[in-house]
C-alpha atoms as a PDB file:
ATOM      1  CA  MET A   1       0.000   0.000   0.000  1.00  0.00           C
ATOM      2  CA  ASP A   2       1.220   3.451  -0.867  1.00  0.00           C
ATOM      3  CA  HIS A   3       1.155   5.145   2.535  1.00  0.00           C
ATOM      4  CA  SER A   4       2.082   8.482   0.995  1.00  0.00           C
ATOM      5  CA  ARG A   5      -1.551   8.757  -0.107  1.00  0.00           C
ATOM      6  CA  TYR A   6      -2.652   9.083   3.482  1.00  0.00           C
ATOM      7  CA  PRO A   7      -1.524  12.433   4.953  1.00  0.00           C
ATOM      8  CA  ARG A   8      -0.494  12.516   8.562  1.00  0.00           C
ATOM      9  CA  GLU A   9      -0.315  15.369  11.024  1.00  0.00           C
ATOM     10  CA  PRO A  10       2.811  14.571  13.042  1.00  0.00           C
ATOM     11  CA  GLY A  11       2.589  15.644  16.636  1.00  0.00           C
ATOM     12  CA  VAL A  12       0.472  15.276  19.725  1.00  0.00           C
ATOM     13  CA  ILE A  13      -2.981  15.178  18.074  1.00  0.00           C
ATOM     14  CA  ASP A  14      -2.088  12.417  15.633  1.00  0.00           C
ATOM     15  CA  THR A  15      -0.421  10.397  18.382  1.00  0.00           C
ATOM     16  CA  LEU A  16      -3.364  10.826  20.767  1.00  0.00           C
ATOM     17  CA  GLU A  17      -5.936   9.693  18.202  1.00  0.00           C
ATOM     18  CA  GLU A  18      -3.981   6.642  17.111  1.00  0.00           C
ATOM     19  CA  THR A  19      -3.026   5.745  20.681  1.00  0.00           C
ATOM     20  CA  LEU A  20      -6.628   6.004  21.887  1.00  0.00           C
ATOM     21  CA  MET A  21      -7.913   3.719  19.137  1.00  0.00           C
ATOM     22  CA  ALA A  22      -5.087   1.247  19.742  1.00  0.00           C
ATOM     23  CA  VAL A  23      -5.809   1.233  23.504  1.00  0.00           C
ATOM     24  CA  LEU A  24      -9.525   0.666  22.883  1.00  0.00           C
ATOM     25  CA  MET A  25      -8.784  -2.254  20.569  1.00  0.00           C
ATOM     26  CA  GLY A  26      -6.292  -3.740  23.033  1.00  0.00           C
ATOM     27  CA  LEU A  27      -8.619  -3.422  26.027  1.00  0.00           C
ATOM     28  CA  MET A  28     -11.490  -4.981  24.065  1.00  0.00           C
ATOM     29  CA  THR A  29      -9.278  -7.954  23.213  1.00  0.00           C
ATOM     30  CA  VAL A  30      -7.969  -8.371  26.766  1.00  0.00           C
ATOM     31  CA  LEU A  31     -11.402  -8.109  28.393  1.00  0.00           C
ATOM     32  CA  THR A  32     -12.947 -10.574  25.968  1.00  0.00           C
ATOM     33  CA  PHE A  33     -10.078 -13.049  26.416  1.00  0.00           C
ATOM     34  CA  VAL A  34     -10.140 -12.813  30.219  1.00  0.00           C
ATOM     35  CA  ASN A  35     -13.892 -13.262  30.319  1.00  0.00           C
ATOM     36  CA  VAL A  36     -13.695 -16.365  28.111  1.00  0.00           C
ATOM     37  CA  VAL A  37     -11.019 -17.875  30.360  1.00  0.00           C
ATOM     38  CA  LEU A  38     -13.056 -17.112  33.492  1.00  0.00           C
ATOM     39  CA  ARG A  39     -16.266 -18.455  31.998  1.00  0.00           C
ATOM     40  CA  TYR A  40     -14.937 -21.757  30.671  1.00  0.00           C
ATOM     41  CA  GLY A  41     -12.077 -22.285  33.104  1.00  0.00           C
ATOM     42  CA  PHE A  42     -13.543 -21.110  36.401  1.00  0.00           C
ATOM     43  CA  ASN A  43     -17.299 -20.914  35.760  1.00  0.00           C
ATOM     44  CA  SER A  44     -17.200 -17.203  36.527  1.00  0.00           C
ATOM     45  CA  SER A  45     -17.149 -13.909  34.660  1.00  0.00           C
ATOM     46  CA  ILE A  46     -16.605 -10.166  34.902  1.00  0.00           C
ATOM     47  CA  ILE A  47     -20.219  -9.027  34.945  1.00  0.00           C
ATOM     48  CA  TRP A  48     -19.527  -5.605  33.410  1.00  0.00           C
ATOM     49  CA  SER A  49     -17.106  -6.863  30.757  1.00  0.00           C
ATOM     50  CA  LEU A  50     -19.634  -7.288  27.927  1.00  0.00           C
ATOM     51  CA  GLU A  51     -21.169  -3.839  28.357  1.00  0.00           C
ATOM     52  CA  VAL A  52     -17.765  -2.154  28.576  1.00  0.00           C
ATOM     53  CA  THR A  53     -16.616  -4.017  25.463  1.00  0.00           C
ATOM     54  CA  LEU A  54     -19.694  -2.866  23.551  1.00  0.00           C
ATOM     55  CA  VAL A  55     -19.080   0.721  24.667  1.00  0.00           C
ATOM     56  CA  MET A  56     -15.435   0.594  23.586  1.00  0.00           C
ATOM     57  CA  PHE A  57     -16.424  -0.883  20.227  1.00  0.00           C
ATOM     58  CA  ALA A  58     -18.886   1.984  19.697  1.00  0.00           C
ATOM     59  CA  TRP A  59     -16.171   4.491  20.620  1.00  0.00           C
ATOM     60  CA  LEU A  60     -13.745   2.811  18.215  1.00  0.00           C
ATOM     61  CA  VAL A  61     -16.212   2.909  15.318  1.00  0.00           C
ATOM     62  CA  LEU A  62     -17.420   6.469  15.864  1.00  0.00           C
ATOM     63  CA  LEU A  63     -13.954   7.927  16.400  1.00  0.00           C
ATOM     64  CA  GLY A  64     -12.722   5.892  13.442  1.00  0.00           C
ATOM     65  CA  VAL A  65     -15.228   7.644  11.166  1.00  0.00           C
ATOM     66  CA  SER A  66     -13.686  11.058  11.794  1.00  0.00           C
ATOM     67  CA  TYR A  67     -10.172   9.597  11.660  1.00  0.00           C
ATOM     68  CA  GLY A  68     -11.007   8.063   8.278  1.00  0.00           C
ATOM     69  CA  PHE A  69     -11.938  11.517   6.979  1.00  0.00           C
ATOM     70  CA  LYS A  70      -8.712  12.875   8.408  1.00  0.00           C
ATOM     71  CA  ILE A  71      -6.435  10.459   6.545  1.00  0.00           C
ATOM     72  CA  ARG A  72      -8.900  10.125   3.640  1.00  0.00           C
ATOM     73  CA  MET A  73      -9.341   6.373   3.765  1.00  0.00           C
ATOM     74  CA  HIS A  74     -13.117   6.269   3.224  1.00  0.00           C
ATOM     75  CA  LEU A  75     -14.064   4.443   0.048  1.00  0.00           C
ATOM     76  CA  GLY A  76     -15.767   6.160  -2.858  1.00  0.00           C
ATOM     77  CA  VAL A  77     -16.474   5.740  -6.560  1.00  0.00           C
ATOM     78  CA  ASP A  78     -14.502   8.080  -8.808  1.00  0.00           C
ATOM     79  CA  ALA A  79     -14.825   6.287 -12.152  1.00  0.00           C
ATOM     80  CA  VAL A  80     -16.887   9.155 -13.581  1.00  0.00           C
ATOM     81  CA  THR A  81     -15.116  12.095 -11.945  1.00  0.00           C
ATOM     82  CA  ASN A  82     -11.743  10.845 -13.203  1.00  0.00           C
ATOM     83  CA  LEU A  83     -13.040  11.369 -16.750  1.00  0.00           C
ATOM     84  CA  LEU A  84     -13.514  15.086 -16.073  1.00  0.00           C
ATOM     85  CA  ALA A  85     -10.978  17.828 -16.586  1.00  0.00           C
ATOM     86  CA  PRO A  86      -9.241  19.122 -13.432  1.00  0.00           C
ATOM     87  CA  GLY A  87     -11.516  22.166 -13.098  1.00  0.00           C
ATOM     88  CA  PRO A  88     -14.872  20.328 -13.293  1.00  0.00           C
ATOM     89  CA  ARG A  89     -13.467  17.506 -11.154  1.00  0.00           C
ATOM     90  CA  ARG A  90     -12.579  20.007  -8.457  1.00  0.00           C
ATOM     91  CA  ALA A  91     -16.055  21.574  -8.669  1.00  0.00           C
ATOM     92  CA  VAL A  92     -17.705  18.178  -8.262  1.00  0.00           C
ATOM     93  CA  ALA A  93     -15.435  17.474  -5.289  1.00  0.00           C
ATOM     94  CA  LEU A  94     -16.512  20.746  -3.678  1.00  0.00           C
ATOM     95  CA  VAL A  95     -20.185  19.845  -4.140  1.00  0.00           C
ATOM     96  CA  ALA A  96     -19.510  16.448  -2.581  1.00  0.00           C
ATOM     97  CA  GLY A  97     -17.696  18.140   0.274  1.00  0.00           C
ATOM     98  CA  LEU A  98     -20.592  20.528   0.918  1.00  0.00           C
ATOM     99  CA  LEU A  99     -23.014  17.601   0.996  1.00  0.00           C
ATOM    100  CA  CYS A 100     -20.730  15.867   3.515  1.00  0.00           C
ATOM    101  CA  LEU A 101     -20.692  19.070   5.580  1.00  0.00           C
ATOM    102  CA  LEU A 102     -24.491  19.162   5.523  1.00  0.00           C
ATOM    103  CA  TYR A 103     -24.613  15.560   6.709  1.00  0.00           C
ATOM    104  CA  ALA A 104     -22.066  16.264   9.438  1.00  0.00           C
ATOM    105  CA  VAL A 105     -24.146  19.203  10.742  1.00  0.00           C
ATOM    106  CA  LEU A 106     -27.296  17.059  10.826  1.00  0.00           C
ATOM    107  CA  PHE A 107     -25.359  14.272  12.545  1.00  0.00           C
ATOM    108  CA  LEU A 108     -23.986  16.690  15.130  1.00  0.00           C
ATOM    109  CA  LYS A 109     -27.453  18.057  15.910  1.00  0.00           C
ATOM    110  CA  GLY A 110     -28.902  14.570  16.275  1.00  0.00           C
ATOM    111  CA  ALA A 111     -25.973  13.395  18.392  1.00  0.00           C
ATOM    112  CA  TRP A 112     -26.222  16.409  20.711  1.00  0.00           C
ATOM    113  CA  ASP A 113     -30.000  16.122  21.054  1.00  0.00           C
ATOM    114  CA  TYR A 114     -29.668  12.445  21.969  1.00  0.00           C
ATOM    115  CA  TRP A 115     -26.851  12.918  24.490  1.00  0.00           C
ATOM    116  CA  ALA A 116     -27.788  16.255  26.063  1.00  0.00           C
ATOM    117  CA  PRO A 117     -30.758  15.060  28.196  1.00  0.00           C
ATOM    118  CA  PHE A 118     -28.554  12.395  29.795  1.00  0.00           C
ATOM    119  CA  ALA A 119     -26.034  15.117  30.711  1.00  0.00           C
ATOM    120  CA  ASP A 120     -28.763  17.345  32.172  1.00  0.00           C
ATOM    121  CA  LEU A 121     -28.312  19.772  29.268  1.00  0.00           C
ATOM    122  CA  PRO A 122     -30.926  21.250  26.907  1.00  0.00           C
ATOM    123  CA  LYS A 123     -31.623  19.832  23.471  1.00  0.00           C
ATOM    124  CA  THR A 124     -31.573  22.110  20.456  1.00  0.00           C
ATOM    125  CA  THR A 125     -34.723  23.433  18.837  1.00  0.00           C
ATOM    126  CA  GLY A 126     -35.427  23.229  15.116  1.00  0.00           C
ATOM    127  CA  ARG A 127     -36.401  20.247  13.009  1.00  0.00           C
ATOM    128  CA  TRP A 128     -33.321  20.032  10.790  1.00  0.00           C
ATOM    129  CA  PHE A 129     -30.884  22.675  11.986  1.00  0.00           C
ATOM    130  CA  PRO A 130     -30.352  24.068  15.508  1.00  0.00           C
ATOM    131  CA  THR A 131     -32.227  27.313  16.070  1.00  0.00           C
ATOM    132  CA  GLY A 132     -31.715  27.580  19.826  1.00  0.00           C
ATOM    133  CA  PHE A 133     -31.951  25.523  23.001  1.00  0.00           C
ATOM    134  CA  ASP A 134     -35.003  24.007  24.659  1.00  0.00           C
ATOM    135  CA  TRP A 135     -34.361  24.779  28.319  1.00  0.00           C
ATOM    136  CA  ASP A 136     -37.694  23.257  29.323  1.00  0.00           C
ATOM    137  CA  ALA A 137     -36.899  19.835  27.882  1.00  0.00           C
ATOM    138  CA  ARG A 138     -36.942  16.963  30.363  1.00  0.00           C
ATOM    139  CA  ARG A 139     -33.551  15.892  31.713  1.00  0.00           C
ATOM    140  CA  PHE A 140     -32.374  12.305  32.257  1.00  0.00           C
ATOM    141  CA  GLY A 141     -29.129  12.823  34.157  1.00  0.00           C
ATOM    142  CA  PHE A 142     -30.173  10.090  36.592  1.00  0.00           C
ATOM    143  CA  THR A 143     -30.081   7.339  33.928  1.00  0.00           C
ATOM    144  CA  GLU A 144     -27.459   4.671  34.634  1.00  0.00           C
ATOM    145  CA  THR A 145     -25.776   1.968  32.599  1.00  0.00           C
ATOM    146  CA  GLY A 146     -26.657  -1.625  33.304  1.00  0.00           C
ATOM    147  CA  ASP A 147     -23.485  -2.964  34.924  1.00  0.00           C
ATOM    148  CA  ILE A 148     -20.561  -0.568  34.482  1.00  0.00           C
ATOM    149  CA  PRO A 149     -19.174   0.532  37.863  1.00  0.00           C
ATOM    150  CA  ILE A 150     -17.766   3.972  38.587  1.00  0.00           C
ATOM    151  CA  PRO A 151     -14.034   3.318  39.083  1.00  0.00           C
ATOM    152  CA  PHE A 152     -13.300   5.740  41.942  1.00  0.00           C
ATOM    153  CA  ASP A 153     -15.179   7.826  44.497  1.00  0.00           C
ATOM    154  CA  GLY A 154     -13.879  11.199  43.328  1.00  0.00           C
ATOM    155  CA  LEU A 155     -15.416  10.692  39.905  1.00  0.00           C
ATOM    156  CA  LYS A 156     -18.631   9.404  41.472  1.00  0.00           C
ATOM    157  CA  ASP A 157     -18.979  12.486  43.670  1.00  0.00           C
ATOM    158  CA  TRP A 158     -18.335  14.858  40.771  1.00  0.00           C
ATOM    159  CA  LEU A 159     -20.830  13.100  38.481  1.00  0.00           C
ATOM    160  CA  GLU A 160     -23.514  13.127  41.178  1.00  0.00           C
ATOM    161  CA  LYS A 161     -23.074  16.802  42.059  1.00  0.00           C
ATOM    162  CA  THR A 162     -22.855  17.885  38.423  1.00  0.00           C
ATOM    163  CA  PHE A 163     -25.499  15.773  36.707  1.00  0.00           C
ATOM    164  CA  ASN A 164     -27.717  14.171  39.356  1.00  0.00           C
ATOM    165  CA  SER A 165     -28.627  17.013  41.699  1.00  0.00           C
ATOM    166  CA  TYR A 166     -31.646  19.284  41.923  1.00  0.00           C
ATOM    167  CA  THR A 167     -33.025  22.051  44.127  1.00  0.00           C
ATOM    168  CA  GLU A 168     -35.931  21.298  46.454  1.00  0.00           C
ATOM    169  CA  GLY A 169     -37.212  23.708  49.103  1.00  0.00           C
ATOM    170  CA  GLY A 170     -34.272  25.987  48.550  1.00  0.00           C
ATOM    171  CA  GLU A 171     -31.770  23.194  49.232  1.00  0.00           C
ATOM    172  CA  THR A 172     -29.638  21.202  46.813  1.00  0.00           C
ATOM    173  CA  VAL A 173     -30.418  17.481  46.805  1.00  0.00           C
ATOM    174  CA  VAL A 174     -27.793  15.125  45.384  1.00  0.00           C
ATOM    175  CA  ASP A 175     -28.911  11.653  44.342  1.00  0.00           C
ATOM    176  CA  SER A 176     -26.447   8.783  44.338  1.00  0.00           C
ATOM    177  CA  TYR A 177     -25.334   6.712  41.346  1.00  0.00           C
ATOM    178  CA  SER A 178     -25.006   2.970  41.813  1.00  0.00           C
ATOM    179  CA  LYS A 179     -23.580   2.501  38.309  1.00  0.00           C
ATOM    180  CA  MET A 180     -21.887   4.680  35.706  1.00  0.00           C
ATOM    181  CA  PRO A 181     -24.384   7.164  34.234  1.00  0.00           C
ATOM    182  CA  VAL A 182     -24.985   6.705  30.508  1.00  0.00           C
ATOM    183  CA  LEU A 183     -23.858  10.273  29.829  1.00  0.00           C
ATOM    184  CA  VAL A 184     -20.233   9.108  30.106  1.00  0.00           C
ATOM    185  CA  PRO A 185     -20.189   6.418  27.388  1.00  0.00           C
ATOM    186  CA  TYR A 186     -22.662   8.365  25.221  1.00  0.00           C
ATOM    187  CA  VAL A 187     -20.450  11.480  25.149  1.00  0.00           C
ATOM    188  CA  VAL A 188     -18.688   9.924  22.164  1.00  0.00           C
ATOM    189  CA  LEU A 189     -21.748  10.772  20.034  1.00  0.00           C
ATOM    190  CA  PRO A 190     -21.373  14.588  19.997  1.00  0.00           C
ATOM    191  CA  LEU A 191     -17.584  14.287  20.237  1.00  0.00           C
ATOM    192  CA  SER A 192     -17.272  12.087  17.151  1.00  0.00           C
ATOM    193  CA  ALA A 193     -19.835  14.192  15.258  1.00  0.00           C
ATOM    194  CA  LEU A 194     -17.887  17.373  16.028  1.00  0.00           C
ATOM    195  CA  LEU A 195     -14.622  15.741  14.953  1.00  0.00           C
ATOM    196  CA  MET A 196     -16.217  14.521  11.718  1.00  0.00           C
ATOM    197  CA  LEU A 197     -17.519  18.025  10.940  1.00  0.00           C
ATOM    198  CA  PHE A 198     -14.044  19.442  11.555  1.00  0.00           C
ATOM    199  CA  ARG A 199     -12.321  16.833   9.357  1.00  0.00           C
ATOM    200  CA  VAL A 200     -14.786  17.290   6.491  1.00  0.00           C
ATOM    201  CA  LEU A 201     -14.291  21.051   6.708  1.00  0.00           C
ATOM    202  CA  GLN A 202     -10.535  20.510   6.482  1.00  0.00           C
ATOM    203  CA  ALA A 203     -11.017  18.376   3.360  1.00  0.00           C
ATOM    204  CA  CYS A 204     -13.201  21.048   1.750  1.00  0.00           C
ATOM    205  CA  ILE A 205     -10.589  23.716   2.464  1.00  0.00           C
ATOM    206  CA  ARG A 206      -7.876  21.574   0.854  1.00  0.00           C
ATOM    207  CA  ILE A 207     -10.000  21.193  -2.274  1.00  0.00           C
ATOM    208  CA  TRP A 208     -10.895  24.905  -2.325  1.00  0.00           C
ATOM    209  CA  LYS A 209      -7.210  25.865  -2.142  1.00  0.00           C
ATOM    210  CA  GLY A 210      -6.403  23.510  -5.001  1.00  0.00           C
ATOM    211  CA  HIS A 211      -4.282  21.095  -2.993  1.00  0.00           C
ATOM    212  CA  GLU A 212      -6.604  18.241  -3.993  1.00  0.00           C
ATOM    213  CA  ASP A 213      -9.317  17.626  -6.551  1.00  0.00           C
ATOM    214  CA  SER A 214     -11.146  14.789  -4.807  1.00  0.00           C
ATOM    215  CA  MET A 215     -12.218  13.667  -1.349  1.00  0.00           C
ATOM    216  CA  ILE A 216     -11.381  10.084  -2.334  1.00  0.00           C
ATOM    217  CA  VAL A 217      -7.897   8.739  -1.850  1.00  0.00           C
ATOM    218  CA  SER A 218      -8.477   5.135  -0.813  1.00  0.00           C
ATOM    219  CA  HIS A 219      -8.428   2.678  -3.712  1.00  0.00           C
ATOM    220  CA  GLU A 220      -8.279  -0.765  -2.129  1.00  0.00           C
ATOM    221  CA  ALA A 221      -8.297  -2.723  -5.400  1.00  0.00           C
ATOM    222  CA  GLU A 222      -5.408  -0.694  -6.837  1.00  0.00           C
ATOM    223  CA  ASP A 223      -3.510  -0.994  -3.566  1.00  0.00           C
ATOM    224  CA  ALA A 224      -3.984  -4.772  -3.570  1.00  0.00           C
ATOM    225  CA  VAL A 225      -2.661  -5.019  -7.147  1.00  0.00           C
ATOM    226  CA  ASP A 226       0.320  -2.817  -6.268  1.00  0.00           C
ATOM    227  CA  ASP A 227       1.097  -4.934  -3.198  1.00  0.00           C
ATOM    228  CA  ALA A 228       0.890  -8.131  -5.220  1.00  0.00           C
ATOM    229  CA  ALA A 229       3.196  -6.708  -7.902  1.00  0.00           C
ATOM    230  CA  THR A 230       5.691  -5.602  -5.241  1.00  0.00           C
ATOM    231  CA  ARG A 231       5.740  -9.059  -3.655  1.00  0.00           C
ATOM    232  CA  MET A 232       6.276 -10.708  -7.041  1.00  0.00           C
ATOM    233  CA  ARG A 233       9.213  -8.401  -7.793  1.00  0.00           C
ATOM    234  CA  ASP A 234      10.771  -9.105  -4.406  1.00  0.00           C
ATOM    235  CA  ALA A 235      10.253 -12.862  -4.659  1.00  0.00           C
END
């Protein structure tokens, strides 16, 4: 595979993104392996392992979407656009980029509106695009996950005071969490949507400045042929 096709941003951000995804994949593998050994070897299990694994898989997929836009590895069909002259091809790429931006905005609104009630925050108003905030919308900051524990008391206290408290009779009442509130694993929804919007905007700017004439860089079939040819030459 020609790795020069996939631009990298050397530095802290690139390292953090790749490290986070690698850690998620590693932890998923370890947890699944340990749970299998416990189940079949000791007739036991880590009760929260399955739910945590599902959460990490969701994080991996959603963060991977924005990362795919960043290094331009999403698949696309460019058989027709490659027949166009550079100018029209760039114009078509800009239209495609604007459509991706529109989708990213809609995704961000939907992701925020789904997550916000669990974080005791207001949803946005407007059917398609945000026009404001609905401060009267019902909050669900008390909602907990099924089995995931809160790892340490400091985090538990902060989550309870921030997201599971209310005022009654002039006094602040803080309810206790027995499990991790869903707002923590679900925060990946607005985060990944925001990252995707940012990465698509970056791609559009590159096309606008003339650095690229397409949002598509990944060509798996061509890469496979190139790899096969390389191996045959080296054999």
